[in-house]
Amino acid sequence: MVTRSRLLAFALALLFGASGLASEPSSPPASRAGVRAAVEVTAMDLDVVATKDGRPVNDLTRDEFVVRVDGKPVPIDYFARIEAGTVHGPDLATASPDLVLDTLKSDDGGTYVPRQFLVYFDDDRLLPQERHSVIEGLRDFVTRLSPSDRASIVSYNGSTRVLVPFTNSKEDLLDGLSRLEKASPVGLSWEAQYRQTTQELRLSRPASRGGILRSWSAQAAAREKSALGELARSVSALAARSGKRTLLLVTNGYEWYPGQTLAQAYGPSSLTQFDQNIGDDLGKVLARANSSGITIQVFDAKGLVAEGDVSEALPAGVNPFFKTQNFRDSMATLAGETGGTLVENRNVFRADLDRVYREASSYYSVGVTLSGVSGPGSRKVDVRTTRPGVDVRARTGFGAKTADEAAVDRVEMALLTPGATGDFPATLQIGTLEKKGGIGRRTAAWEVSVPMSELTFREEGGLMKAVVEMSLAAVEDTGARSSIKPYKLTLSFPAGDLEKARSQAFVHRDQLKTGKGNIRFVAGVRDVASGRMALASVDLRVE
């Protein structure tokens, strides 16, 4: 994958490009609908679902909501009701800036919020028979999508693979579900390892079980942490989409203390000696979701599970209740702290998916300016209503997102979305790949070019200056992604040269290292002053 080499000496070149490089220009989009600007959050915007006896409540007023941050009541500065995707205000004057950023105009002049759904199959944990019921429910869910909705389907099998990029094509989404159903998830391999380890523990002496448990705990922890890291990156990619953002997570859960289930059955009652837990990794997923207003709806794919396992020759040593609870806590946390729900003990999912769609279409937007949420870091949030008998759900945490973090979201989205374009055009070029840096490694020069007229220059002491943030990342056809490490450059030239410069291109060059395979390289160029961003990509076969 790509790692940025030591930054070469930077030179400002007023030229249009260079020859001898593979390139693919990124044309400017006709519309930026579906993509969020890389700007800082200016308000804590909460999407609130209200129900009474399981039925939606759509007539609450601003005065009937109470918002507390870290236990202290804060004034509600913005309020709007979204019904069937349409904003009721009667206008946007009372809506939060974050909501206004997401709205679009309909043909009849109304204002609506598009819906964005990321369907995430955690196939590293799922068995083939566990996916069928959810896939059947999703087929019905896809038929409900409106022309303004966008959905994507991804599968995590050790890396995140995009089956269907964000689209409003129901045909493509249904085809993606069919292809997913035919593919075998990695969960089969992990289940075999689990059964083998269980058998070893059953037949081993008590004195030797500690080593087996420690080994299993370390393997399970590495697996859980890797999975949650990929989930966090997918949450960031969804954050760059514009509109009401919902992640549908289909999983069997993550063991909060990896190895605890087997330890409870065959070893000590707790895993304190192993020092393994995924709390911090779950926290990173939640922080990214809550800083972007993403709701995570979790679907436990196990369905209704019998307490025995007829395939086991020996009596089960694992208590089914403990096993279920050890994995359930993570799912309940991901859903509950982002304003979603955990759907469990189901063999039919259509009704719950219908509810998810309704909740993404009809809710209250309750906003608080950041001046009322002073202080750094993540904050505890509690939303309630004074109307008797009405229950409300909203995210329980908040952390303000910076423009730098929002820019990384845009690159994450581009890695998961082939052909993603930015706010202005860019051209990425990859030079001749050379065999350097170890066995199977290749190095090459890369170059990105954008129109100088798209950058924001300000005069300082007779010089015109602009700050540009650069990033280069890559994704293999297996779904494996490189890390994203942006870095900033300051462009500077005499004020008298501005007119000439604006008619030319800004070109930046650097070096990359990569392995073999089919790889898509994505470059991001952000004008820091405006938050506007260019994206460009190149597909290469690296031999």
Protein backbone atom coordinates (compact mmCIF):
# COMPACT_ATOMS: atom_id res chain seq x y z
CA MET A 1 0.00 0.00 0.00
CA VAL A 2 0.98 3.63 -0.22
CA THR A 3 3.28 5.24 2.29
CA ARG A 4 4.33 8.83 1.82
CA SER A 5 8.07 9.09 1.51
CA ARG A 6 10.14 11.95 2.91
CA LEU A 7 8.62 15.08 1.46
CA LEU A 8 10.67 16.27 -1.47
CA ALA A 9 11.67 19.90 -1.77
CA PHE A 10 8.55 21.69 -2.94
CA ALA A 11 8.63 24.03 -5.89
CA LEU A 12 5.75 26.05 -7.26
CA ALA A 13 5.52 25.33 -10.98
CA LEU A 14 3.33 27.42 -13.27
CA LEU A 15 2.67 24.77 -15.90
CA PHE A 16 -0.07 22.50 -17.16
CA GLY A 17 1.48 19.05 -16.69
CA ALA A 18 4.24 16.69 -17.73
CA SER A 19 4.53 13.92 -20.30
CA GLY A 20 5.37 10.26 -19.79
CA LEU A 21 2.99 9.74 -16.85
CA ALA A 22 -0.19 7.69 -16.59
CA SER A 23 -3.06 10.07 -15.88
CA GLU A 24 -6.80 10.25 -15.46
CA PRO A 25 -8.37 13.71 -15.13
CA SER A 26 -11.16 14.31 -12.70
CA SER A 27 -13.84 16.40 -14.37
CA PRO A 28 -15.84 18.86 -12.26
CA PRO A 29 -19.19 17.50 -11.08
CA ALA A 30 -22.38 18.94 -12.49
CA SER A 31 -23.82 18.93 -8.98
CA ARG A 32 -22.39 18.39 -5.54
CA ALA A 33 -25.58 16.74 -4.30
CA GLY A 34 -24.63 13.78 -2.14
CA VAL A 35 -21.29 15.15 -0.88
CA ARG A 36 -20.62 17.30 2.17
CA ALA A 37 -18.18 20.20 2.21
CA ALA A 38 -14.99 19.75 4.27
CA VAL A 39 -15.88 22.46 6.79
CA GLU A 40 -15.84 22.64 10.56
CA VAL A 41 -18.97 21.84 12.56
CA THR A 42 -20.56 24.99 13.98
CA ALA A 43 -23.42 23.40 15.93
CA MET A 44 -24.31 20.23 17.75
CA ASP A 45 -27.10 18.92 15.53
CA LEU A 46 -29.15 16.05 16.97
CA ASP A 47 -31.51 13.82 14.99
CA VAL A 48 -34.27 12.80 17.40
CA VAL A 49 -36.85 10.06 16.86
CA ALA A 50 -39.98 10.28 19.03
CA THR A 51 -42.46 7.44 19.61
CA LYS A 52 -45.36 6.58 21.87
CA ASP A 53 -46.34 2.94 22.28
CA GLY A 54 -44.11 2.17 19.30
CA ARG A 55 -45.82 4.69 16.99
CA PRO A 56 -44.20 7.87 15.63
CA VAL A 57 -45.02 11.18 17.32
CA ASN A 58 -44.81 14.02 14.77
CA ASP A 59 -46.29 17.04 16.56
CA LEU A 60 -43.73 17.87 19.26
CA THR A 61 -42.59 21.49 19.56
CA ARG A 62 -39.23 23.00 20.45
CA ASP A 63 -40.46 23.80 23.96
CA GLU A 64 -41.18 20.13 24.63
CA PHE A 65 -37.53 19.10 24.25
CA VAL A 66 -34.84 19.27 26.92
CA VAL A 67 -31.16 18.86 25.98
CA ARG A 68 -28.43 18.33 28.57
CA VAL A 69 -24.69 18.30 27.89
CA ASP A 70 -22.59 16.65 30.60
CA GLY A 71 -25.69 16.80 32.79
CA LYS A 72 -26.30 20.55 32.37
CA PRO A 73 -29.33 21.93 30.45
CA VAL A 74 -28.42 23.98 27.37
CA PRO A 75 -30.68 26.25 25.28
CA ILE A 76 -32.02 24.89 22.01
CA ASP A 77 -30.95 27.29 19.27
CA TYR A 78 -32.26 25.45 16.19
CA PHE A 79 -35.31 23.32 15.61
CA ALA A 80 -36.92 21.73 12.56
CA ARG A 81 -39.17 18.78 11.86
CA ILE A 82 -38.42 16.45 8.95
CA GLU A 83 -41.45 14.54 7.71
CA ALA A 84 -41.11 12.07 4.83
CA GLY A 85 -37.77 13.69 4.08
CA THR A 86 -39.23 17.19 3.76
CA VAL A 87 -38.15 20.00 6.11
CA HIS A 88 -40.98 21.74 7.93
CA GLY A 89 -40.10 25.07 9.45
CA PRO A 90 -41.99 26.65 7.62
CA ASP A 91 -38.55 27.63 6.25
CA LEU A 92 -34.89 26.99 7.05
CA ALA A 93 -34.58 30.04 9.32
CA THR A 94 -34.93 27.87 12.42
CA ALA A 95 -32.80 24.96 11.14
CA SER A 96 -29.20 24.33 12.18
CA PRO A 97 -26.34 25.18 9.78
CA ASP A 98 -25.50 21.47 9.53
CA LEU A 99 -29.03 20.66 8.38
CA VAL A 100 -29.07 23.56 5.91
CA LEU A 101 -25.84 22.22 4.43
CA ASP A 102 -27.58 18.91 3.73
CA THR A 103 -30.82 20.19 2.19
CA LEU A 104 -31.82 20.18 -1.47
CA LYS A 105 -34.69 21.80 -3.37
CA SER A 106 -37.44 19.67 -4.87
CA ASP A 107 -39.17 20.44 -8.16
CA ASP A 108 -42.13 21.98 -6.32
CA GLY A 109 -39.84 24.38 -4.41
CA GLY A 110 -39.90 22.44 -1.14
CA THR A 111 -36.80 21.66 0.87
CA TYR A 112 -35.84 18.05 1.56
CA VAL A 113 -33.02 16.03 3.12
CA PRO A 114 -31.70 13.16 0.99
CA ARG A 115 -31.07 9.82 2.69
CA GLN A 116 -27.76 7.96 2.58
CA PHE A 117 -27.60 4.28 3.60
CA LEU A 118 -24.41 2.27 3.99
CA VAL A 119 -25.22 -1.44 4.28
CA TYR A 120 -22.24 -3.05 6.02
CA PHE A 121 -22.05 -6.86 6.15
CA ASP A 122 -19.54 -7.99 8.77
CA ASP A 123 -18.83 -11.21 6.86
CA ASP A 124 -15.76 -11.91 8.98
CA ARG A 125 -18.25 -13.07 11.63
CA LEU A 126 -21.25 -14.25 9.65
CA LEU A 127 -22.09 -17.75 8.46
CA PRO A 128 -23.80 -18.25 5.06
CA GLN A 129 -27.10 -19.40 6.56
CA GLU A 130 -27.23 -16.34 8.84
CA ARG A 131 -27.32 -13.80 6.04
CA HIS A 132 -30.29 -15.05 4.04
CA SER A 133 -33.07 -13.53 6.18
CA VAL A 134 -31.38 -10.12 6.33
CA ILE A 135 -30.71 -10.13 2.59
CA GLU A 136 -34.35 -10.96 1.90
CA GLY A 137 -35.45 -8.06 4.08
CA LEU A 138 -32.98 -5.75 2.33
CA ARG A 139 -34.40 -6.66 -1.08
CA ASP A 140 -37.73 -5.28 0.07
CA PHE A 141 -35.93 -2.30 1.65
CA VAL A 142 -34.25 -1.44 -1.67
CA THR A 143 -37.59 -1.32 -3.49
CA ARG A 144 -38.70 1.44 -1.08
CA LEU A 145 -35.83 3.80 -1.89
CA SER A 146 -36.81 7.09 -3.54
CA PRO A 147 -34.93 8.66 -6.48
CA SER A 148 -33.10 11.03 -4.09
CA ASP A 149 -31.90 8.21 -1.83
CA ARG A 150 -28.43 6.72 -2.18
CA ALA A 151 -27.22 3.37 -0.85
CA SER A 152 -24.02 1.37 -0.91
CA ILE A 153 -23.31 -2.26 0.02
CA VAL A 154 -19.94 -3.32 1.42
CA SER A 155 -18.62 -6.57 2.85
CA TYR A 156 -15.92 -6.87 5.50
CA ASN A 157 -13.93 -10.08 5.09
CA GLY A 158 -10.66 -9.03 6.68
CA SER A 159 -10.75 -5.93 4.46
CA THR A 160 -13.68 -3.82 3.31
CA ARG A 161 -14.81 -4.63 -0.20
CA VAL A 162 -17.34 -2.48 -2.04
CA LEU A 163 -20.02 -4.57 -3.73
CA VAL A 164 -22.08 -1.58 -4.84
CA PRO A 165 -20.84 2.04 -4.60
CA PHE A 166 -23.33 4.73 -3.55
CA THR A 167 -26.11 4.74 -6.12
CA ASN A 168 -29.85 5.24 -6.53
CA SER A 169 -30.07 2.30 -8.97
CA LYS A 170 -32.30 -0.37 -7.45
CA GLU A 171 -31.15 -2.82 -10.10
CA ASP A 172 -27.51 -2.42 -9.07
CA LEU A 173 -28.35 -2.77 -5.39
CA LEU A 174 -30.46 -5.89 -5.92
CA ASP A 175 -27.69 -7.38 -8.05
CA GLY A 176 -25.19 -6.62 -5.28
CA LEU A 177 -27.35 -8.46 -2.74
CA SER A 178 -27.54 -11.46 -5.07
CA ARG A 179 -23.76 -11.53 -5.50
CA LEU A 180 -23.31 -11.20 -1.75
CA GLU A 181 -25.61 -14.15 -1.10
CA LYS A 182 -23.52 -16.39 -3.38
CA ALA A 183 -20.19 -15.45 -1.79
CA SER A 184 -18.89 -17.38 1.24
CA PRO A 185 -18.12 -15.25 4.29
CA VAL A 186 -14.88 -15.70 6.24
CA GLY A 187 -16.93 -16.49 9.32
CA LEU A 188 -16.79 -20.16 8.32
CA SER A 189 -13.02 -20.24 8.83
CA TRP A 190 -13.20 -18.49 12.18
CA GLU A 191 -15.99 -20.79 13.35
CA ALA A 192 -13.79 -23.80 12.54
CA GLN A 193 -10.93 -22.31 14.59
CA TYR A 194 -13.33 -21.66 17.47
CA ARG A 195 -14.56 -25.24 17.47
CA GLN A 196 -11.01 -26.58 17.30
CA THR A 197 -9.92 -24.43 20.25
CA THR A 198 -12.99 -25.49 22.23
CA GLN A 199 -12.13 -29.12 21.58
CA GLU A 200 -8.53 -28.56 22.71
CA LEU A 201 -9.74 -26.99 25.93
CA ARG A 202 -12.16 -29.82 26.61
CA LEU A 203 -9.50 -32.48 26.22
CA SER A 204 -6.60 -30.63 27.86
CA ARG A 205 -5.55 -30.71 31.49
CA PRO A 206 -6.61 -27.71 33.59
CA ALA A 207 -2.99 -26.71 34.14
CA SER A 208 -2.37 -26.28 30.40
CA ARG A 209 -5.56 -24.41 29.59
CA GLY A 210 -4.15 -21.01 30.52
CA GLY A 211 -1.76 -20.99 27.56
CA ILE A 212 -4.50 -22.03 25.14
CA LEU A 213 -6.81 -19.32 26.46
CA ARG A 214 -4.12 -16.64 26.24
CA SER A 215 -3.32 -17.57 22.65
CA TRP A 216 -6.98 -17.53 21.69
CA SER A 217 -7.56 -14.23 23.48
CA ALA A 218 -4.67 -12.57 21.59
CA GLN A 219 -5.96 -13.85 18.23
CA ALA A 220 -9.52 -12.77 18.99
CA ALA A 221 -8.38 -9.32 20.16
CA ALA A 222 -6.37 -8.73 16.98
CA ARG A 223 -9.36 -9.78 14.91
CA GLU A 224 -11.84 -7.58 16.78
CA LYS A 225 -9.56 -4.53 16.73
CA SER A 226 -8.90 -4.88 13.00
CA ALA A 227 -12.62 -5.23 12.29
CA LEU A 228 -13.54 -2.17 14.35
CA GLY A 229 -10.76 -0.17 12.72
CA GLU A 230 -12.23 -0.92 9.29
CA LEU A 231 -15.72 -0.13 10.55
CA ALA A 232 -14.48 3.25 11.83
CA ARG A 233 -13.04 4.05 8.40
CA SER A 234 -16.33 3.16 6.72
CA VAL A 235 -18.15 5.44 9.17
CA SER A 236 -15.79 8.24 8.07
CA ALA A 237 -16.58 7.53 4.42
CA LEU A 238 -20.31 7.74 5.14
CA ALA A 239 -19.74 11.00 7.04
CA ALA A 240 -18.67 12.65 3.77
CA ARG A 241 -22.08 11.99 2.24
CA SER A 242 -24.68 14.76 2.39
CA GLY A 243 -28.05 14.14 4.00
CA LYS A 244 -29.48 11.89 6.69
CA ARG A 245 -26.79 9.22 7.12
CA THR A 246 -27.60 5.72 8.40
CA LEU A 247 -25.27 2.74 8.68
CA LEU A 248 -26.98 -0.67 8.63
CA LEU A 249 -24.54 -3.01 10.38
CA VAL A 250 -25.21 -6.73 9.89
CA THR A 251 -23.04 -8.67 12.33
CA ASN A 252 -22.90 -11.21 15.14
CA GLY A 253 -21.19 -8.76 17.43
CA TYR A 254 -17.73 -8.13 18.85
CA GLU A 255 -16.58 -9.74 22.10
CA TRP A 256 -15.87 -6.86 24.48
CA TYR A 257 -13.24 -8.88 26.34
CA PRO A 258 -11.88 -11.14 23.58
CA GLY A 259 -11.68 -14.73 24.78
CA GLN A 260 -13.90 -14.19 27.79
CA THR A 261 -16.53 -16.70 26.66
CA LEU A 262 -14.06 -19.57 26.56
CA ALA A 263 -12.35 -18.38 29.74
CA GLN A 264 -15.67 -18.47 31.59
CA ALA A 265 -16.21 -22.04 30.42
CA TYR A 266 -12.73 -23.51 30.77
CA GLY A 267 -10.61 -21.14 32.80
CA PRO A 268 -10.76 -18.21 35.21
CA SER A 269 -14.01 -16.30 35.64
CA SER A 270 -12.56 -13.10 34.18
CA LEU A 271 -9.90 -12.13 31.67
CA THR A 272 -8.08 -9.52 33.73
CA GLN A 273 -4.88 -11.51 33.35
CA PHE A 274 -5.10 -11.26 29.57
CA ASP A 275 -5.55 -7.47 29.54
CA GLN A 276 -7.60 -7.61 26.33
CA ASN A 277 -10.62 -5.42 25.65
CA ILE A 278 -12.04 -3.49 22.71
CA GLY A 279 -13.51 -0.55 24.60
CA ASP A 280 -11.16 2.01 23.04
CA ASP A 281 -11.76 0.62 19.55
CA LEU A 282 -15.53 0.79 19.99
CA GLY A 283 -15.05 4.32 21.29
CA LYS A 284 -13.32 5.39 18.08
CA VAL A 285 -16.24 4.11 16.00
CA LEU A 286 -18.71 5.92 18.24
CA ALA A 287 -16.70 9.14 18.23
CA ARG A 288 -16.63 9.24 14.42
CA ALA A 289 -20.32 8.42 14.16
CA ASN A 290 -21.43 10.93 16.79
CA SER A 291 -19.24 13.74 15.44
CA SER A 292 -20.99 13.29 12.07
CA GLY A 293 -24.56 12.61 13.16
CA ILE A 294 -24.51 9.04 11.81
CA THR A 295 -27.09 6.62 13.18
CA ILE A 296 -25.96 2.98 13.43
CA GLN A 297 -28.77 0.45 13.14
CA VAL A 298 -27.45 -2.98 14.18
CA PHE A 299 -28.92 -6.25 12.93
CA ASP A 300 -27.90 -9.35 14.85
CA ALA A 301 -27.92 -11.90 12.05
CA LYS A 302 -27.96 -14.97 14.31
CA GLY A 303 -31.72 -14.83 14.57
CA LEU A 304 -33.48 -17.10 17.05
CA VAL A 305 -30.81 -19.44 18.42
CA ALA A 306 -31.33 -22.79 20.15
CA GLU A 307 -29.39 -23.24 23.37
CA GLY A 308 -27.85 -26.55 22.36
CA ASP A 309 -25.58 -27.57 19.49
CA VAL A 310 -26.40 -31.01 18.12
CA SER A 311 -23.21 -31.02 16.03
CA GLU A 312 -21.03 -31.32 19.17
CA ALA A 313 -20.07 -34.85 20.21
CA LEU A 314 -19.24 -33.77 23.76
CA PRO A 315 -21.49 -31.76 26.11
CA ALA A 316 -21.27 -28.02 25.57
CA GLY A 317 -18.97 -26.33 28.07
CA VAL A 318 -19.88 -22.82 26.92
CA ASN A 319 -22.91 -21.28 28.56
CA PRO A 320 -25.11 -19.93 25.70
CA PHE A 321 -26.29 -17.02 27.87
CA PHE A 322 -22.75 -15.84 28.60
CA LYS A 323 -21.72 -16.22 24.95
CA THR A 324 -24.71 -14.21 23.75
CA GLN A 325 -24.22 -11.47 26.34
CA ASN A 326 -20.47 -11.16 25.76
CA PHE A 327 -21.06 -10.34 22.09
CA ARG A 328 -24.35 -8.47 22.54
CA ASP A 329 -22.94 -5.61 24.63
CA SER A 330 -20.91 -4.22 21.73
CA MET A 331 -23.89 -4.29 19.37
CA ALA A 332 -26.17 -2.61 21.91
CA THR A 333 -23.56 0.09 22.52
CA LEU A 334 -23.00 0.88 18.84
CA ALA A 335 -26.73 1.22 18.28
CA GLY A 336 -27.85 2.83 21.52
CA GLU A 337 -25.17 5.54 21.70
CA THR A 338 -25.77 6.70 18.11
CA GLY A 339 -29.56 6.88 18.32
CA GLY A 340 -30.16 3.55 16.60
CA THR A 341 -31.58 0.22 17.75
CA LEU A 342 -30.32 -3.33 18.06
CA VAL A 343 -32.52 -5.76 16.14
CA GLU A 344 -32.10 -9.22 17.65
CA ASN A 345 -33.92 -12.54 18.05
CA ARG A 346 -35.46 -12.20 14.58
CA ASN A 347 -35.71 -14.59 11.67
CA VAL A 348 -37.61 -12.04 9.57
CA PHE A 349 -36.26 -8.49 9.25
CA ARG A 350 -38.68 -6.71 6.87
CA ALA A 351 -40.67 -4.90 9.58
CA ASP A 352 -37.53 -3.63 11.32
CA LEU A 353 -36.04 -2.43 8.02
CA ASP A 354 -39.29 -0.61 7.28
CA ARG A 355 -38.96 1.12 10.65
CA VAL A 356 -35.36 2.08 9.89
CA TYR A 357 -36.45 3.70 6.64
CA ARG A 358 -39.26 5.62 8.36
CA GLU A 359 -36.88 6.87 11.06
CA ALA A 360 -34.44 8.07 8.41
CA SER A 361 -37.30 9.97 6.78
CA SER A 362 -39.19 11.45 9.74
CA TYR A 363 -37.45 12.90 12.79
CA TYR A 364 -36.70 16.14 14.62
CA SER A 365 -33.53 18.15 14.10
CA VAL A 366 -32.58 19.78 17.40
CA GLY A 367 -29.51 22.03 17.35
CA VAL A 368 -27.30 23.76 19.89
CA THR A 369 -24.57 26.26 18.97
CA LEU A 370 -21.07 25.26 20.01
CA SER A 371 -20.90 28.30 22.29
CA GLY A 372 -23.36 26.42 24.46
CA VAL A 373 -21.19 23.27 24.36
CA SER A 374 -17.88 24.81 25.32
CA GLY A 375 -14.92 22.58 26.07
CA PRO A 376 -12.81 20.12 24.07
CA GLY A 377 -13.26 16.39 23.60
CA SER A 378 -16.30 14.16 23.62
CA ARG A 379 -19.33 15.31 25.60
CA LYS A 380 -22.21 13.36 27.08
CA VAL A 381 -25.57 14.31 25.58
CA ASP A 382 -29.05 13.55 26.88
CA VAL A 383 -32.27 14.45 25.01
CA ARG A 384 -35.69 14.15 26.61
CA THR A 385 -39.22 15.37 26.08
CA THR A 386 -41.61 16.79 28.64
CA ARG A 387 -44.66 15.20 26.98
CA PRO A 388 -45.83 12.25 29.12
CA GLY A 389 -45.60 8.78 27.57
CA VAL A 390 -43.35 9.81 24.68
CA ASP A 391 -39.96 8.17 24.26
CA VAL A 392 -37.15 9.81 22.29
CA ARG A 393 -33.92 8.41 20.84
CA ALA A 394 -30.84 10.41 19.84
CA ARG A 395 -27.09 10.03 19.98
CA THR A 396 -25.69 10.17 23.48
CA GLY A 397 -22.32 11.72 22.66
CA PHE A 398 -20.88 14.61 20.70
CA GLY A 399 -17.47 15.80 19.57
CA ALA A 400 -16.97 18.76 17.26
CA LYS A 401 -15.40 17.79 13.93
CA THR A 402 -12.65 19.94 12.45
CA ALA A 403 -12.30 20.80 8.77
CA ASP A 404 -9.13 18.68 8.69
CA GLU A 405 -11.07 15.65 9.89
CA ALA A 406 -13.87 16.32 7.41
CA ALA A 407 -11.29 16.38 4.61
CA VAL A 408 -10.07 12.91 5.59
CA ASP A 409 -13.70 11.77 5.41
CA ARG A 410 -13.81 12.94 1.79
CA VAL A 411 -10.76 10.85 0.89
CA GLU A 412 -12.18 7.83 2.74
CA MET A 413 -15.37 8.23 0.70
CA ALA A 414 -13.35 8.39 -2.53
CA LEU A 415 -11.55 5.15 -1.62
CA LEU A 416 -14.93 3.41 -1.28
CA THR A 417 -16.52 5.20 -4.24
CA PRO A 418 -14.80 4.76 -7.63
CA GLY A 419 -15.18 7.86 -9.78
CA ALA A 420 -15.85 10.19 -6.83
CA THR A 421 -15.26 13.80 -7.81
CA GLY A 422 -14.52 16.89 -5.77
CA ASP A 423 -15.51 20.55 -5.81
CA PHE A 424 -13.10 21.47 -8.62
CA PRO A 425 -11.12 19.51 -11.25
CA ALA A 426 -7.80 17.79 -10.66
CA THR A 427 -5.44 15.49 -12.56
CA LEU A 428 -3.42 12.70 -10.93
CA GLN A 429 -0.43 11.18 -12.69
CA ILE A 430 1.66 8.19 -11.63
CA GLY A 431 5.16 7.81 -13.10
CA THR A 432 7.06 4.69 -14.09
CA LEU A 433 7.10 2.12 -11.32
CA GLU A 434 10.56 0.91 -10.29
CA LYS A 435 11.63 -2.11 -8.23
CA LYS A 436 12.87 -0.54 -5.01
CA GLY A 437 12.22 -0.75 -1.31
CA GLY A 438 12.28 -4.55 -0.80
CA ILE A 439 10.85 -7.70 -2.35
CA GLY A 440 7.59 -7.02 -4.15
CA ARG A 441 7.77 -3.27 -3.48
CA ARG A 442 7.63 -0.59 -6.15
CA THR A 443 8.35 3.13 -6.08
CA ALA A 444 7.23 5.88 -8.43
CA ALA A 445 6.84 9.61 -8.72
CA TRP A 446 3.33 10.99 -8.50
CA GLU A 447 2.03 14.36 -9.55
CA VAL A 448 -1.26 16.15 -8.97
CA SER A 449 -2.39 19.29 -10.80
CA VAL A 450 -5.26 21.69 -10.06
CA PRO A 451 -6.22 25.08 -11.54
CA MET A 452 -4.59 27.90 -9.58
CA SER A 453 -7.84 29.86 -9.95
CA GLU A 454 -9.56 27.41 -7.56
CA LEU A 455 -7.26 28.27 -4.65
CA THR A 456 -7.80 31.08 -2.16
CA PHE A 457 -4.89 33.56 -2.02
CA ARG A 458 -4.53 36.27 0.59
CA GLU A 459 -2.01 39.08 0.66
CA GLU A 460 0.58 39.10 3.43
CA GLY A 461 3.41 41.64 3.30
CA GLY A 462 3.33 42.03 -0.48
CA LEU A 463 3.07 38.27 -1.08
CA MET A 464 0.03 36.25 -2.14
CA LYS A 465 -0.29 33.11 -0.02
CA ALA A 466 -2.54 30.05 -0.09
CA VAL A 467 -2.48 26.97 2.14
CA VAL A 468 -3.09 23.65 0.39
CA GLU A 469 -3.56 20.26 2.04
CA MET A 470 -2.34 17.24 0.06
CA SER A 471 -3.05 13.54 0.52
CA LEU A 472 -2.49 10.36 -1.45
CA ALA A 473 -4.05 7.03 -0.55
CA ALA A 474 -4.73 3.75 -2.32
CA VAL A 475 -7.13 0.82 -2.30
CA GLU A 476 -6.51 -2.66 -3.72
CA ASP A 477 -9.16 -4.67 -5.54
CA THR A 478 -9.23 -6.90 -2.44
CA GLY A 479 -10.53 -3.91 -0.46
CA ALA A 480 -7.31 -3.32 1.52
CA ARG A 481 -6.74 0.42 2.02
CA SER A 482 -3.69 2.46 2.84
CA SER A 483 -3.67 4.97 5.67
CA ILE A 484 -4.44 8.63 4.93
CA LYS A 485 -1.82 11.11 6.12
CA PRO A 486 -2.53 14.65 4.85
CA TYR A 487 0.15 17.32 4.92
CA LYS A 488 -0.05 21.06 4.32
CA LEU A 489 1.94 23.27 1.96
CA THR A 490 2.04 27.07 1.74
CA LEU A 491 2.17 28.58 -1.74
CA SER A 492 3.72 32.03 -2.02
CA PHE A 493 4.62 34.49 -4.81
CA PRO A 494 4.72 38.29 -5.38
CA ALA A 495 1.33 39.98 -5.41
CA GLY A 496 1.96 41.33 -8.89
CA ASP A 497 2.05 37.79 -10.33
CA LEU A 498 -1.45 36.85 -9.14
CA GLU A 499 -3.26 37.43 -12.44
CA LYS A 500 -0.72 35.35 -14.36
CA ALA A 501 -0.76 32.58 -11.76
CA ARG A 502 -4.55 32.27 -11.77
CA SER A 503 -4.47 31.34 -15.46
CA GLN A 504 -2.04 28.49 -14.83
CA ALA A 505 -1.98 25.23 -12.84
CA PHE A 506 -0.56 24.37 -9.45
CA VAL A 507 1.47 21.15 -9.70
CA HIS A 508 2.78 19.14 -6.74
CA ARG A 509 5.13 16.16 -6.98
CA ASP A 510 6.17 13.53 -4.46
CA GLN A 511 7.16 9.86 -4.20
CA LEU A 512 5.09 6.78 -3.34
CA LYS A 513 5.79 3.17 -2.39
CA THR A 514 3.39 0.38 -3.24
CA GLY A 515 3.02 -3.38 -3.43
CA LYS A 516 1.77 -5.45 -6.35
CA GLY A 517 -1.82 -5.84 -7.50
CA ASN A 518 -4.71 -3.95 -9.02
CA ILE A 519 -4.63 -0.63 -7.20
CA ARG A 520 -6.63 2.59 -7.38
CA PHE A 521 -4.72 5.65 -6.21
CA VAL A 522 -6.71 8.62 -4.90
CA ALA A 523 -5.31 12.12 -4.45
CA GLY A 524 -6.97 14.86 -2.44
CA VAL A 525 -6.18 18.57 -2.74
CA ARG A 526 -7.94 20.88 -0.27
CA ASP A 527 -7.98 24.66 -0.36
CA VAL A 528 -7.76 25.14 3.42
CA ALA A 529 -9.25 28.67 3.45
CA SER A 530 -12.49 27.69 1.72
CA GLY A 531 -12.71 23.99 2.60
CA ARG A 532 -13.27 23.17 -1.08
CA MET A 533 -11.57 20.01 -2.23
CA ALA A 534 -10.48 18.31 -5.43
CA LEU A 535 -10.31 14.52 -5.83
CA ALA A 536 -8.61 12.58 -8.61
CA SER A 537 -7.87 8.90 -9.11
CA VAL A 538 -5.86 6.51 -11.29
CA ASP A 539 -6.32 2.75 -11.68
CA LEU A 540 -3.10 0.79 -12.20
CA ARG A 541 -2.00 -2.80 -12.45
CA VAL A 542 1.27 -3.04 -10.48
CA GLU A 543 3.35 -6.05 -11.59
